[in-house]
Amino acid sequence: MAALAPPPMSDGIGIANLPNQRHKIVAKRGTHFTIMVVGESGLGKTTLVNTLFQTELSSAKNYSRRHQKQLDKLTEVEIIKAELEERQFKTKLTVIDTPGFGDYVNNRDSWSPIVDFIDDQHEAYMRQEQQPERQEKIDLRVHACLYFIRPTGHTLKPLDIEIMKRLGTRVNLIPVVAKADTLTQNDLLTFKQRIRQVIQAQGIRIYQPPIEPE
């Protein structure tokens, strides 16, 4: 008796080719990514975003209004959208900036517009999911939040701790030491250790990348 050999499979067919098929579908349809940047003015948020995506997504901010109205407590939410393409892979990028955060004399509850915006986007997306027609959904849920820490060399400020506690329970929070090149290597290492200690002591949840087994 001769064993029945499986019929030859054509290219692109079969379980082994499912990842390739999925990649083709995603590449053709494109994807979207929403990133939020939070931090005081002058810490290089705009520069980092423009450098990260190698294009001028946002122009330099004008801080004259901030200096004129220091008594106001106003944190704005600014949405910037762009469509990027690299190697025929399209990404609809949304950058959410928060000008005005931490820039005023009284910064009490200055995080409220940021937290409210994040919560509102989750609620709006869930409402769309409950509708019979949901092909054209508007999704502004934040995939990652970069929180810029001023390079004081000491530790986190109370304002940093308060908003990081709230952001950590809602988004993938990634702390970033802004303008780290202004510190020496030893000072930067000590600063990072102090920040990690405060994060652990305060129970702040930050994004932990998965570790791939070797």
N, C-alpha and C. Protein backbone atom coordinates (compact mmCIF):
# COMPACT_ATOMS: atom_id res chain seq x y z
N MET A 1 0.84 -1.19 0.00
CA MET A 1 0.00 0.00 0.00
C MET A 1 0.87 1.24 0.00
N ALA A 2 0.53 2.15 -0.81
CA ALA A 2 1.29 3.39 -0.92
C ALA A 2 0.62 4.47 -0.08
N ALA A 3 1.44 5.25 0.62
CA ALA A 3 0.90 6.34 1.43
C ALA A 3 0.41 7.45 0.52
N LEU A 4 -0.70 8.01 0.93
CA LEU A 4 -1.26 9.12 0.15
C LEU A 4 -0.56 10.41 0.53
N ALA A 5 0.14 10.97 -0.38
CA ALA A 5 0.84 12.23 -0.12
C ALA A 5 -0.15 13.38 -0.22
N PRO A 6 -0.01 14.38 0.61
CA PRO A 6 -0.92 15.53 0.53
C PRO A 6 -0.72 16.26 -0.78
N PRO A 7 -1.79 16.81 -1.31
CA PRO A 7 -1.68 17.53 -2.57
C PRO A 7 -0.78 18.74 -2.43
N PRO A 8 -0.03 19.06 -3.44
CA PRO A 8 0.86 20.22 -3.35
C PRO A 8 0.05 21.49 -3.16
N MET A 9 0.56 22.38 -2.27
CA MET A 9 -0.13 23.64 -2.00
C MET A 9 0.47 24.74 -2.85
N SER A 10 -0.40 25.54 -3.37
CA SER A 10 0.07 26.68 -4.15
C SER A 10 0.58 27.76 -3.22
N ASP A 11 1.36 28.67 -3.75
CA ASP A 11 1.93 29.74 -2.94
C ASP A 11 0.83 30.61 -2.34
N GLY A 12 0.99 30.95 -1.06
CA GLY A 12 0.04 31.83 -0.40
C GLY A 12 -1.15 31.11 0.18
N ILE A 13 -1.17 29.79 0.16
CA ILE A 13 -2.30 29.03 0.68
C ILE A 13 -1.78 28.09 1.75
N GLY A 14 -2.57 27.94 2.83
CA GLY A 14 -2.19 27.04 3.90
C GLY A 14 -1.98 27.78 5.20
N ILE A 15 -1.99 26.98 6.29
CA ILE A 15 -1.86 27.58 7.62
C ILE A 15 -0.54 28.30 7.78
N ALA A 16 0.53 27.76 7.20
CA ALA A 16 1.84 28.37 7.36
C ALA A 16 1.90 29.77 6.76
N ASN A 17 1.00 30.05 5.82
CA ASN A 17 1.02 31.36 5.15
C ASN A 17 0.03 32.35 5.76
N LEU A 18 -0.64 31.96 6.85
CA LEU A 18 -1.59 32.89 7.46
C LEU A 18 -0.95 34.20 7.90
N PRO A 19 0.24 34.18 8.52
CA PRO A 19 0.86 35.47 8.87
C PRO A 19 1.11 36.36 7.65
N ASN A 20 1.55 35.73 6.54
CA ASN A 20 1.79 36.53 5.34
C ASN A 20 0.49 37.09 4.78
N GLN A 21 -0.57 36.27 4.83
CA GLN A 21 -1.86 36.76 4.35
C GLN A 21 -2.36 37.91 5.20
N ARG A 22 -2.19 37.77 6.52
CA ARG A 22 -2.64 38.83 7.41
C ARG A 22 -1.85 40.11 7.18
N HIS A 23 -0.55 39.95 6.94
CA HIS A 23 0.29 41.13 6.68
C HIS A 23 -0.16 41.84 5.42
N LYS A 24 -0.52 41.10 4.39
CA LYS A 24 -0.98 41.71 3.15
C LYS A 24 -2.28 42.47 3.37
N ILE A 25 -3.18 41.90 4.18
CA ILE A 25 -4.46 42.56 4.44
C ILE A 25 -4.24 43.87 5.20
N VAL A 26 -3.40 43.82 6.23
CA VAL A 26 -3.14 45.02 7.03
C VAL A 26 -2.41 46.07 6.21
N ALA A 27 -1.43 45.62 5.39
CA ALA A 27 -0.67 46.57 4.57
C ALA A 27 -1.58 47.27 3.56
N LYS A 28 -2.55 46.53 3.03
CA LYS A 28 -3.46 47.12 2.04
C LYS A 28 -4.44 48.07 2.70
N ARG A 29 -4.95 47.67 3.86
CA ARG A 29 -5.93 48.49 4.56
C ARG A 29 -5.29 49.64 5.31
N GLY A 30 -4.06 49.42 5.77
CA GLY A 30 -3.40 50.43 6.60
C GLY A 30 -3.78 50.27 8.05
N THR A 31 -3.18 51.04 8.90
CA THR A 31 -3.47 50.99 10.33
C THR A 31 -3.48 52.40 10.88
N HIS A 32 -3.89 52.52 12.13
CA HIS A 32 -3.89 53.84 12.76
C HIS A 32 -3.23 53.73 14.13
N PHE A 33 -2.61 54.83 14.54
CA PHE A 33 -1.90 54.87 15.81
C PHE A 33 -2.11 56.24 16.44
N THR A 34 -2.49 56.24 17.71
CA THR A 34 -2.75 57.49 18.43
C THR A 34 -1.78 57.60 19.60
N ILE A 35 -1.03 58.67 19.62
CA ILE A 35 -0.05 58.91 20.67
C ILE A 35 -0.34 60.25 21.33
N MET A 36 -0.22 60.29 22.65
CA MET A 36 -0.44 61.51 23.41
C MET A 36 0.88 61.94 24.05
N VAL A 37 1.16 63.23 24.02
CA VAL A 37 2.35 63.77 24.66
C VAL A 37 1.91 64.75 25.74
N VAL A 38 2.42 64.54 26.95
CA VAL A 38 2.03 65.36 28.10
C VAL A 38 3.30 65.85 28.79
N GLY A 39 3.29 67.10 29.18
CA GLY A 39 4.45 67.65 29.88
C GLY A 39 4.43 69.17 29.82
N GLU A 40 5.25 69.78 30.63
CA GLU A 40 5.32 71.23 30.65
C GLU A 40 5.90 71.76 29.34
N SER A 41 5.68 73.04 29.10
CA SER A 41 6.19 73.66 27.88
C SER A 41 7.71 73.75 27.92
N GLY A 42 8.32 73.66 26.74
CA GLY A 42 9.75 73.82 26.63
C GLY A 42 10.56 72.58 26.89
N LEU A 43 9.90 71.41 26.95
CA LEU A 43 10.62 70.17 27.22
C LEU A 43 10.92 69.37 25.95
N GLY A 44 10.58 69.90 24.80
CA GLY A 44 10.94 69.25 23.55
C GLY A 44 9.92 68.23 23.05
N LYS A 45 8.66 68.37 23.42
CA LYS A 45 7.64 67.42 22.97
C LYS A 45 7.47 67.48 21.46
N THR A 46 7.34 68.69 20.92
CA THR A 46 7.16 68.85 19.48
C THR A 46 8.38 68.35 18.72
N THR A 47 9.56 68.67 19.21
CA THR A 47 10.79 68.24 18.54
C THR A 47 10.90 66.72 18.50
N LEU A 48 10.56 66.07 19.61
CA LEU A 48 10.65 64.61 19.65
C LEU A 48 9.67 63.97 18.68
N VAL A 49 8.45 64.47 18.64
CA VAL A 49 7.46 63.88 17.74
C VAL A 49 7.87 64.07 16.29
N ASN A 50 8.33 65.26 15.94
CA ASN A 50 8.77 65.50 14.56
C ASN A 50 9.97 64.64 14.20
N THR A 51 10.89 64.45 15.15
CA THR A 51 12.06 63.62 14.89
C THR A 51 11.68 62.14 14.81
N LEU A 52 10.77 61.72 15.66
CA LEU A 52 10.37 60.32 15.71
C LEU A 52 9.77 59.86 14.39
N PHE A 53 8.95 60.72 13.79
CA PHE A 53 8.28 60.34 12.55
C PHE A 53 8.90 61.00 11.32
N GLN A 54 10.02 61.68 11.51
CA GLN A 54 10.81 62.24 10.41
C GLN A 54 10.00 63.14 9.50
N THR A 55 9.12 63.92 10.09
CA THR A 55 8.35 64.89 9.34
C THR A 55 7.84 65.95 10.30
N GLU A 56 7.55 67.14 9.79
CA GLU A 56 7.08 68.23 10.64
C GLU A 56 5.57 68.10 10.82
N LEU A 57 5.18 67.36 11.85
CA LEU A 57 3.77 67.20 12.15
C LEU A 57 3.20 68.40 12.87
N SER A 58 4.03 69.05 13.67
CA SER A 58 3.58 70.18 14.46
C SER A 58 4.63 71.27 14.41
N SER A 59 4.18 72.51 14.28
CA SER A 59 5.10 73.64 14.26
C SER A 59 5.44 74.05 15.69
N ALA A 60 6.47 74.86 15.82
CA ALA A 60 6.90 75.32 17.15
C ALA A 60 5.81 76.16 17.79
N LYS A 61 5.67 76.02 19.11
CA LYS A 61 4.62 76.72 19.84
C LYS A 61 5.02 78.16 20.14
N ASN A 62 4.00 79.02 20.23
CA ASN A 62 4.20 80.41 20.62
C ASN A 62 3.77 80.55 22.08
N TYR A 63 4.71 80.85 22.97
CA TYR A 63 4.43 80.88 24.39
C TYR A 63 4.12 82.28 24.90
N SER A 64 3.91 83.24 24.02
CA SER A 64 3.66 84.60 24.48
C SER A 64 2.36 84.69 25.27
N ARG A 65 1.35 83.96 24.81
CA ARG A 65 0.06 83.98 25.51
C ARG A 65 0.19 83.35 26.89
N ARG A 66 1.02 82.34 27.02
CA ARG A 66 1.21 81.68 28.32
C ARG A 66 1.81 82.65 29.33
N HIS A 67 2.74 83.50 28.90
CA HIS A 67 3.38 84.44 29.81
C HIS A 67 2.45 85.60 30.15
N GLN A 68 1.53 85.93 29.24
CA GLN A 68 0.63 87.04 29.47
C GLN A 68 -0.48 86.69 30.45
N LYS A 69 -0.87 85.42 30.50
CA LYS A 69 -2.02 85.02 31.32
C LYS A 69 -1.61 83.90 32.27
N GLN A 70 -0.67 84.21 33.14
CA GLN A 70 -0.18 83.20 34.06
C GLN A 70 -1.21 82.81 35.11
N LEU A 71 -2.18 83.67 35.37
CA LEU A 71 -3.17 83.35 36.39
C LEU A 71 -4.25 82.42 35.88
N ASP A 72 -4.35 82.25 34.59
CA ASP A 72 -5.35 81.33 34.05
C ASP A 72 -4.89 79.90 34.24
N LYS A 73 -5.85 79.02 34.44
CA LYS A 73 -5.55 77.59 34.57
C LYS A 73 -6.22 76.89 33.40
N LEU A 74 -5.51 76.78 32.31
CA LEU A 74 -6.12 76.28 31.09
C LEU A 74 -5.20 75.25 30.44
N THR A 75 -5.64 74.01 30.44
CA THR A 75 -4.94 72.96 29.72
C THR A 75 -5.76 72.58 28.50
N GLU A 76 -5.20 72.75 27.34
CA GLU A 76 -5.93 72.48 26.11
C GLU A 76 -5.60 71.08 25.59
N VAL A 77 -6.43 70.60 24.71
CA VAL A 77 -6.19 69.32 24.04
C VAL A 77 -6.17 69.60 22.54
N GLU A 78 -5.02 69.41 21.93
CA GLU A 78 -4.84 69.72 20.52
C GLU A 78 -4.60 68.42 19.74
N ILE A 79 -5.40 68.21 18.71
CA ILE A 79 -5.34 66.97 17.92
C ILE A 79 -4.70 67.26 16.57
N ILE A 80 -3.67 66.51 16.25
CA ILE A 80 -2.96 66.65 14.98
C ILE A 80 -3.02 65.31 14.25
N LYS A 81 -3.50 65.33 13.02
CA LYS A 81 -3.64 64.10 12.24
C LYS A 81 -2.75 64.15 11.01
N ALA A 82 -2.20 63.01 10.65
CA ALA A 82 -1.34 62.90 9.47
C ALA A 82 -1.41 61.47 8.96
N GLU A 83 -1.11 61.31 7.69
CA GLU A 83 -1.05 59.98 7.09
C GLU A 83 0.37 59.74 6.58
N LEU A 84 1.02 58.76 7.13
CA LEU A 84 2.40 58.45 6.79
C LEU A 84 2.46 57.17 5.98
N GLU A 85 3.45 57.08 5.13
CA GLU A 85 3.62 55.87 4.31
C GLU A 85 5.11 55.54 4.23
N GLU A 86 5.43 54.29 4.52
CA GLU A 86 6.80 53.81 4.45
C GLU A 86 6.78 52.40 3.89
N ARG A 87 7.49 52.20 2.78
CA ARG A 87 7.53 50.91 2.11
C ARG A 87 6.14 50.39 1.80
N GLN A 88 5.31 51.28 1.29
CA GLN A 88 3.95 50.97 0.87
C GLN A 88 3.06 50.54 2.04
N PHE A 89 3.43 50.89 3.24
CA PHE A 89 2.61 50.61 4.42
C PHE A 89 2.12 51.95 4.97
N LYS A 90 0.79 52.14 4.97
CA LYS A 90 0.21 53.41 5.37
C LYS A 90 -0.22 53.36 6.83
N THR A 91 0.06 54.46 7.53
CA THR A 91 -0.34 54.59 8.93
C THR A 91 -1.04 55.93 9.11
N LYS A 92 -2.24 55.88 9.63
CA LYS A 92 -2.95 57.10 9.98
C LYS A 92 -2.57 57.47 11.41
N LEU A 93 -1.77 58.50 11.54
CA LEU A 93 -1.21 58.89 12.83
C LEU A 93 -2.00 60.05 13.42
N THR A 94 -2.30 59.93 14.70
CA THR A 94 -2.95 61.00 15.45
C THR A 94 -2.07 61.35 16.64
N VAL A 95 -1.66 62.59 16.73
CA VAL A 95 -0.86 63.07 17.85
C VAL A 95 -1.72 64.02 18.67
N ILE A 96 -1.84 63.72 19.96
CA ILE A 96 -2.65 64.54 20.85
C ILE A 96 -1.71 65.30 21.78
N ASP A 97 -1.67 66.59 21.62
CA ASP A 97 -0.81 67.45 22.43
C ASP A 97 -1.65 68.10 23.53
N THR A 98 -0.99 68.51 24.59
CA THR A 98 -1.70 69.10 25.73
C THR A 98 -1.05 70.41 26.14
N PRO A 99 -1.11 71.43 25.28
CA PRO A 99 -0.48 72.71 25.62
C PRO A 99 -1.15 73.35 26.83
N GLY A 100 -0.33 73.95 27.68
CA GLY A 100 -0.84 74.63 28.86
C GLY A 100 -0.71 73.83 30.13
N PHE A 101 -0.40 72.52 30.01
CA PHE A 101 -0.31 71.72 31.22
C PHE A 101 0.92 72.10 32.04
N GLY A 102 0.71 72.41 33.30
CA GLY A 102 1.81 72.72 34.22
C GLY A 102 2.47 74.06 34.00
N ASP A 103 1.83 74.95 33.23
CA ASP A 103 2.48 76.21 32.88
C ASP A 103 1.99 77.40 33.69
N TYR A 104 1.08 77.17 34.62
CA TYR A 104 0.45 78.31 35.27
C TYR A 104 0.77 78.33 36.76
N VAL A 105 0.43 79.44 37.39
CA VAL A 105 0.73 79.62 38.80
C VAL A 105 0.01 78.57 39.63
N ASN A 106 -1.27 78.38 39.36
CA ASN A 106 -2.06 77.38 40.06
C ASN A 106 -2.34 76.23 39.11
N ASN A 107 -1.68 75.10 39.32
CA ASN A 107 -1.85 73.95 38.45
C ASN A 107 -2.78 72.89 39.05
N ARG A 108 -3.55 73.27 40.04
CA ARG A 108 -4.48 72.34 40.66
C ARG A 108 -5.52 71.87 39.63
N ASP A 109 -5.70 70.58 39.54
CA ASP A 109 -6.67 69.97 38.62
C ASP A 109 -6.36 70.27 37.16
N SER A 110 -5.11 70.65 36.86
CA SER A 110 -4.77 70.93 35.46
C SER A 110 -4.77 69.67 34.62
N TRP A 111 -4.79 68.50 35.26
CA TRP A 111 -4.83 67.24 34.53
C TRP A 111 -6.25 66.85 34.13
N SER A 112 -7.25 67.53 34.67
CA SER A 112 -8.65 67.12 34.43
C SER A 112 -9.02 67.09 32.95
N PRO A 113 -8.68 68.12 32.14
CA PRO A 113 -9.03 68.04 30.71
C PRO A 113 -8.37 66.86 30.00
N ILE A 114 -7.17 66.48 30.43
CA ILE A 114 -6.47 65.36 29.80
C ILE A 114 -7.16 64.04 30.14
N VAL A 115 -7.43 63.84 31.42
CA VAL A 115 -8.08 62.61 31.87
C VAL A 115 -9.50 62.52 31.30
N ASP A 116 -10.22 63.65 31.30
CA ASP A 116 -11.58 63.64 30.76
C ASP A 116 -11.58 63.29 29.28
N PHE A 117 -10.60 63.80 28.54
CA PHE A 117 -10.52 63.49 27.11
C PHE A 117 -10.33 61.99 26.89
N ILE A 118 -9.43 61.38 27.64
CA ILE A 118 -9.17 59.95 27.49
C ILE A 118 -10.43 59.15 27.81
N ASP A 119 -11.09 59.48 28.91
CA ASP A 119 -12.31 58.77 29.30
C ASP A 119 -13.41 58.96 28.26
N ASP A 120 -13.53 60.17 27.73
CA ASP A 120 -14.57 60.44 26.73
C ASP A 120 -14.36 59.63 25.46
N GLN A 121 -13.11 59.42 25.07
CA GLN A 121 -12.85 58.65 23.85
C GLN A 121 -13.21 57.18 24.03
N HIS A 122 -12.95 56.63 25.21
CA HIS A 122 -13.36 55.25 25.47
C HIS A 122 -14.88 55.12 25.46
N GLU A 123 -15.54 56.08 26.07
CA GLU A 123 -17.01 56.04 26.11
C GLU A 123 -17.60 56.21 24.72
N ALA A 124 -17.04 57.14 23.93
CA ALA A 124 -17.54 57.36 22.57
C ALA A 124 -17.35 56.13 21.70
N TYR A 125 -16.22 55.44 21.85
CA TYR A 125 -15.97 54.23 21.06
C TYR A 125 -16.95 53.12 21.44
N MET A 126 -17.23 52.98 22.73
CA MET A 126 -18.18 51.96 23.16
C MET A 126 -19.58 52.25 22.65
N ARG A 127 -19.96 53.52 22.60
CA ARG A 127 -21.28 53.87 22.05
C ARG A 127 -21.36 53.51 20.58
N GLN A 128 -20.28 53.73 19.83
CA GLN A 128 -20.27 53.38 18.42
C GLN A 128 -20.35 51.86 18.22
N GLU A 129 -19.71 51.11 19.11
CA GLU A 129 -19.75 49.65 19.01
C GLU A 129 -21.15 49.10 19.24
N GLN A 130 -21.98 49.84 19.94
CA GLN A 130 -23.34 49.38 20.24
C GLN A 130 -24.33 49.73 19.15
N GLN A 131 -23.88 50.45 18.13
CA GLN A 131 -24.78 50.84 17.05
C GLN A 131 -24.87 49.74 15.99
N PRO A 132 -26.04 49.61 15.32
CA PRO A 132 -26.16 48.59 14.25
C PRO A 132 -25.18 48.83 13.11
N GLU A 133 -24.99 50.09 12.72
CA GLU A 133 -24.05 50.44 11.65
C GLU A 133 -22.79 51.01 12.29
N ARG A 134 -21.69 50.26 12.21
CA ARG A 134 -20.46 50.73 12.84
C ARG A 134 -19.25 50.52 11.94
N GLN A 135 -19.46 50.74 10.65
CA GLN A 135 -18.35 50.57 9.71
C GLN A 135 -17.39 51.74 9.77
N GLU A 136 -17.91 52.96 9.91
CA GLU A 136 -17.06 54.15 9.92
C GLU A 136 -16.92 54.66 11.35
N LYS A 137 -16.19 53.91 12.16
CA LYS A 137 -16.02 54.31 13.56
C LYS A 137 -14.90 55.35 13.68
N ILE A 138 -15.09 56.30 14.58
CA ILE A 138 -14.06 57.28 14.91
C ILE A 138 -13.38 56.81 16.19
N ASP A 139 -12.10 56.49 16.08
CA ASP A 139 -11.38 55.92 17.20
C ASP A 139 -10.21 56.82 17.57
N LEU A 140 -10.35 57.53 18.68
CA LEU A 140 -9.27 58.38 19.19
C LEU A 140 -8.76 57.87 20.53
N ARG A 141 -8.94 56.58 20.78
CA ARG A 141 -8.39 56.01 22.01
C ARG A 141 -6.85 56.05 21.93
N VAL A 142 -6.24 56.42 23.04
CA VAL A 142 -4.79 56.63 23.06
C VAL A 142 -4.09 55.30 23.20
N HIS A 143 -3.18 54.99 22.27
CA HIS A 143 -2.40 53.76 22.34
C HIS A 143 -1.22 53.89 23.30
N ALA A 144 -0.60 55.06 23.30
CA ALA A 144 0.57 55.28 24.17
C ALA A 144 0.63 56.75 24.55
N CYS A 145 1.07 56.98 25.78
CA CYS A 145 1.20 58.35 26.29
C CYS A 145 2.63 58.57 26.74
N LEU A 146 3.30 59.54 26.14
CA LEU A 146 4.65 59.91 26.54
C LEU A 146 4.55 61.06 27.54
N TYR A 147 5.01 60.81 28.77
CA TYR A 147 4.99 61.85 29.78
C TYR A 147 6.41 62.38 29.97
N PHE A 148 6.59 63.67 29.71
CA PHE A 148 7.90 64.30 29.73
C PHE A 148 8.19 64.84 31.13
N ILE A 149 9.32 64.43 31.68
CA ILE A 149 9.74 64.82 33.02
C ILE A 149 10.86 65.85 32.91
N ARG A 150 10.71 66.94 33.61
CA ARG A 150 11.74 67.98 33.57
C ARG A 150 13.03 67.47 34.21
N PRO A 151 14.19 67.69 33.55
CA PRO A 151 15.46 67.13 34.06
C PRO A 151 16.02 67.93 35.22
N THR A 152 15.35 67.89 36.35
CA THR A 152 15.82 68.63 37.52
C THR A 152 16.98 67.93 38.22
N GLY A 153 17.07 66.61 38.05
CA GLY A 153 18.11 65.86 38.73
C GLY A 153 17.75 65.45 40.14
N HIS A 154 16.56 65.84 40.60
CA HIS A 154 16.15 65.53 41.97
C HIS A 154 15.19 64.35 41.99
N THR A 155 13.91 64.62 41.82
CA THR A 155 12.90 63.56 41.82
C THR A 155 11.64 64.09 41.15
N LEU A 156 10.58 63.30 41.16
CA LEU A 156 9.32 63.73 40.56
C LEU A 156 8.65 64.79 41.42
N LYS A 157 8.01 65.75 40.77
CA LYS A 157 7.25 66.77 41.48
C LYS A 157 5.87 66.22 41.83
N PRO A 158 5.20 66.83 42.82
CA PRO A 158 3.84 66.37 43.17
C PRO A 158 2.89 66.38 41.97
N LEU A 159 3.03 67.37 41.07
CA LEU A 159 2.18 67.41 39.89
C LEU A 159 2.43 66.21 39.00
N ASP A 160 3.70 65.83 38.85
CA ASP A 160 4.04 64.65 38.05
C ASP A 160 3.40 63.39 38.64
N ILE A 161 3.49 63.25 39.94
CA ILE A 161 2.96 62.05 40.60
C ILE A 161 1.45 61.97 40.44
N GLU A 162 0.76 63.09 40.62
CA GLU A 162 -0.69 63.08 40.56
C GLU A 162 -1.20 62.68 39.18
N ILE A 163 -0.66 63.29 38.13
CA ILE A 163 -1.18 62.98 36.81
C ILE A 163 -0.72 61.61 36.33
N MET A 164 0.49 61.19 36.71
CA MET A 164 0.95 59.87 36.30
C MET A 164 0.12 58.77 36.94
N LYS A 165 -0.35 58.98 38.16
CA LYS A 165 -1.24 58.02 38.79
C LYS A 165 -2.52 57.86 37.98
N ARG A 166 -3.05 58.96 37.51
CA ARG A 166 -4.31 58.92 36.77
C ARG A 166 -4.11 58.38 35.36
N LEU A 167 -3.02 58.76 34.72
CA LEU A 167 -2.77 58.28 33.36
C LEU A 167 -2.43 56.79 33.34
N GLY A 168 -1.71 56.33 34.35
CA GLY A 168 -1.26 54.94 34.36
C GLY A 168 -2.38 53.94 34.40
N THR A 169 -3.55 54.32 34.92
CA THR A 169 -4.69 53.41 34.97
C THR A 169 -5.54 53.48 33.71
N ARG A 170 -5.19 54.36 32.78
CA ARG A 170 -6.02 54.57 31.60
C ARG A 170 -5.32 54.28 30.28
N VAL A 171 -4.01 54.53 30.23
CA VAL A 171 -3.28 54.38 28.96
C VAL A 171 -1.95 53.70 29.24
N ASN A 172 -1.26 53.33 28.17
CA ASN A 172 0.11 52.82 28.29
C ASN A 172 1.04 54.01 28.53
N LEU A 173 1.41 54.20 29.78
CA LEU A 173 2.19 55.37 30.18
C LEU A 173 3.69 55.09 30.04
N ILE A 174 4.38 55.96 29.32
CA ILE A 174 5.82 55.83 29.11
C ILE A 174 6.49 57.10 29.61
N PRO A 175 7.14 57.08 30.77
CA PRO A 175 7.85 58.28 31.24
C PRO A 175 9.10 58.53 30.40
N VAL A 176 9.35 59.80 30.12
CA VAL A 176 10.50 60.21 29.31
C VAL A 176 11.22 61.35 30.03
N VAL A 177 12.50 61.20 30.25
CA VAL A 177 13.30 62.29 30.82
C VAL A 177 13.63 63.26 29.69
N ALA A 178 13.03 64.43 29.75
CA ALA A 178 13.21 65.42 28.69
C ALA A 178 14.61 66.02 28.75
N LYS A 179 15.15 66.31 27.57
CA LYS A 179 16.46 66.97 27.46
C LYS A 179 17.50 66.30 28.35
N ALA A 180 17.57 64.97 28.23
CA ALA A 180 18.48 64.21 29.09
C ALA A 180 19.94 64.57 28.84
N ASP A 181 20.24 65.17 27.68
CA ASP A 181 21.63 65.50 27.38
C ASP A 181 22.12 66.68 28.21
N THR A 182 21.23 67.33 28.97
CA THR A 182 21.67 68.42 29.85
C THR A 182 22.24 67.89 31.16
N LEU A 183 22.10 66.59 31.41
CA LEU A 183 22.63 65.98 32.61
C LEU A 183 23.84 65.12 32.26
N THR A 184 24.74 64.98 33.20
CA THR A 184 25.86 64.08 33.00
C THR A 184 25.36 62.63 33.08
N GLN A 185 26.15 61.70 32.64
CA GLN A 185 25.74 60.30 32.65
C GLN A 185 25.45 59.82 34.08
N ASN A 186 26.29 60.20 35.02
CA ASN A 186 26.08 59.79 36.41
C ASN A 186 24.82 60.44 36.99
N ASP A 187 24.62 61.73 36.72
CA ASP A 187 23.43 62.41 37.23
C ASP A 187 22.17 61.83 36.60
N LEU A 188 22.24 61.50 35.31
CA LEU A 188 21.08 60.92 34.64
C LEU A 188 20.74 59.55 35.23
N LEU A 189 21.75 58.75 35.49
CA LEU A 189 21.52 57.43 36.07
C LEU A 189 20.89 57.55 37.46
N THR A 190 21.41 58.48 38.28
CA THR A 190 20.85 58.70 39.61
C THR A 190 19.42 59.21 39.53
N PHE A 191 19.18 60.11 38.60
CA PHE A 191 17.84 60.69 38.41
C PHE A 191 16.85 59.60 38.03
N LYS A 192 17.24 58.71 37.12
CA LYS A 192 16.35 57.62 36.71
C LYS A 192 16.06 56.68 37.88
N GLN A 193 17.06 56.39 38.68
CA GLN A 193 16.85 55.52 39.84
C GLN A 193 15.87 56.14 40.83
N ARG A 194 15.98 57.45 41.05
CA ARG A 194 15.06 58.12 41.96
C ARG A 194 13.64 58.10 41.41
N ILE A 195 13.51 58.29 40.10
CA ILE A 195 12.18 58.25 39.49
C ILE A 195 11.56 56.87 39.63
N ARG A 196 12.36 55.83 39.40
CA ARG A 196 11.84 54.46 39.54
C ARG A 196 11.41 54.18 40.97
N GLN A 197 12.16 54.71 41.93
CA GLN A 197 11.80 54.50 43.34
C GLN A 197 10.47 55.17 43.67
N VAL A 198 10.28 56.38 43.18
CA VAL A 198 9.02 57.08 43.43
C VAL A 198 7.87 56.37 42.74
N ILE A 199 8.07 55.93 41.51
CA ILE A 199 7.02 55.22 40.78
C ILE A 199 6.59 53.96 41.52
N GLN A 200 7.56 53.24 42.05
CA GLN A 200 7.25 52.03 42.80
C GLN A 200 6.58 52.35 44.12
N ALA A 201 7.06 53.36 44.83
CA ALA A 201 6.50 53.71 46.13
C ALA A 201 5.08 54.25 46.00
N GLN A 202 4.81 54.98 44.93
CA GLN A 202 3.49 55.58 44.74
C GLN A 202 2.52 54.63 44.01
N GLY A 203 2.99 53.49 43.60
CA GLY A 203 2.12 52.55 42.92
C GLY A 203 1.67 53.02 41.55
N ILE A 204 2.53 53.75 40.86
CA ILE A 204 2.20 54.26 39.53
C ILE A 204 2.40 53.15 38.50
N ARG A 205 1.40 52.95 37.67
CA ARG A 205 1.48 51.93 36.64
C ARG A 205 2.08 52.53 35.37
N ILE A 206 3.17 51.95 34.90
CA ILE A 206 3.78 52.39 33.65
C ILE A 206 3.85 51.21 32.70
N TYR A 207 4.07 51.50 31.45
CA TYR A 207 4.11 50.44 30.43
C TYR A 207 5.37 49.60 30.59
N GLN A 208 5.18 48.30 30.64
CA GLN A 208 6.30 47.37 30.71
C GLN A 208 6.31 46.54 29.44
N PRO A 209 7.29 46.73 28.57
CA PRO A 209 7.33 45.97 27.31
C PRO A 209 7.49 44.49 27.59
N PRO A 210 6.83 43.64 26.81
CA PRO A 210 6.99 42.20 27.00
C PRO A 210 8.40 41.74 26.69
N ILE A 211 8.89 40.83 27.48
CA ILE A 211 10.24 40.29 27.30
C ILE A 211 10.15 38.98 26.53
N GLU A 212 10.75 38.96 25.35
CA GLU A 212 10.72 37.76 24.53
C GLU A 212 11.70 36.73 25.06
N PRO A 213 11.28 35.47 25.18
CA PRO A 213 12.21 34.45 25.65
C PRO A 213 13.32 34.21 24.63
N GLU A 214 14.52 33.94 25.13
CA GLU A 214 15.65 33.74 24.24
C GLU A 214 15.59 32.35 23.61
